[in-house]
């Protein structure tokens, strides 16, 4: 459980970096979001999600083989 909470905290840190370092660029990007077609956002979201899931599964499988 502590590993999960550590990973969740690290994710929150990484997600907060753009807002802290580049607030003007984040606002400009947010203004452009309505112009992007829904299909494009779905494709980007799917591949982003898919890459993370596959990466986690691969890493988990690799750890099981090492131990």
Protein backbone atom coordinates (compact mmCIF):
# COMPACT_ATOMS: atom_id res chain seq x y z
CA UNK A 1 0.00 0.00 0.00
CA UNK A 2 2.85 2.41 0.75
CA UNK A 3 4.27 1.81 -2.74
CA UNK A 4 0.91 2.74 -4.24
CA UNK A 5 0.71 5.93 -2.19
CA UNK A 6 4.30 6.82 -3.13
CA UNK A 7 3.51 6.30 -6.80
CA UNK A 8 0.35 8.38 -6.47
CA UNK A 9 2.28 11.19 -4.80
CA UNK A 10 4.97 11.11 -7.48
CA UNK A 11 2.31 11.25 -10.18
CA UNK A 12 0.80 14.33 -8.53
CA UNK A 13 4.22 16.00 -8.44
CA UNK A 14 4.80 15.32 -12.15
CA UNK A 15 1.34 16.56 -13.07
CA UNK A 16 1.85 19.76 -11.09
CA UNK A 17 5.18 20.71 -12.69
CA UNK A 18 3.72 22.31 -15.86
CA UNK A 19 1.28 24.42 -13.83
CA UNK A 20 4.09 25.63 -11.58
CA UNK A 21 6.77 26.21 -14.23
CA UNK A 22 4.70 27.27 -17.26
CA UNK A 23 1.31 28.65 -16.16
CA UNK A 24 0.90 30.89 -19.22
CA UNK A 25 1.55 28.03 -21.64
CA UNK A 26 -0.89 25.78 -19.78
CA UNK A 27 -3.58 28.48 -20.06
CA UNK A 28 -2.87 28.93 -23.77
CA UNK A 29 -3.11 25.19 -24.33
CA UNK A 30 -6.37 25.02 -22.38
CA UNK A 31 -7.82 27.74 -24.62
CA UNK A 32 -6.93 25.71 -27.73
CA UNK A 33 -8.46 22.46 -26.44
CA UNK A 34 -12.00 23.18 -27.71
CA UNK A 35 -10.60 23.54 -31.25
CA UNK A 36 -9.16 20.00 -31.23
CA UNK A 37 -11.62 17.41 -32.59
CA UNK A 38 -13.00 14.90 -30.08
CA UNK A 39 -11.71 12.00 -32.16
CA UNK A 40 -8.14 13.32 -31.92
CA UNK A 41 -8.39 13.73 -28.15
CA UNK A 42 -9.76 10.19 -27.84
CA UNK A 43 -6.90 8.74 -29.88
CA UNK A 44 -4.27 10.64 -27.88
CA UNK A 45 -5.94 9.65 -24.60
CA UNK A 46 -6.19 6.00 -25.62
CA UNK A 47 -2.54 5.70 -26.63
CA UNK A 48 -1.41 7.58 -23.54
CA UNK A 49 -3.41 5.21 -21.35
CA UNK A 50 -2.36 2.16 -23.36
CA UNK A 51 1.36 3.02 -23.12
CA UNK A 52 1.18 3.37 -19.35
CA UNK A 53 -0.74 0.13 -18.83
CA UNK A 54 1.55 -1.88 -21.09
CA UNK A 55 4.61 -0.32 -19.45
CA UNK A 56 3.36 -1.20 -15.98
CA UNK A 57 2.51 -4.76 -17.01
CA UNK A 58 5.89 -5.22 -18.71
CA UNK A 59 7.79 -3.88 -15.74
CA UNK A 60 5.78 -6.03 -13.36
CA UNK A 61 6.41 -9.12 -15.49
CA UNK A 62 10.12 -8.32 -15.65
CA UNK A 63 10.33 -8.02 -11.87
CA UNK A 64 8.61 -11.38 -11.47
CA UNK A 65 11.14 -13.03 -13.79
CA UNK A 66 14.11 -11.53 -11.92
CA UNK A 67 12.93 -12.69 -8.51
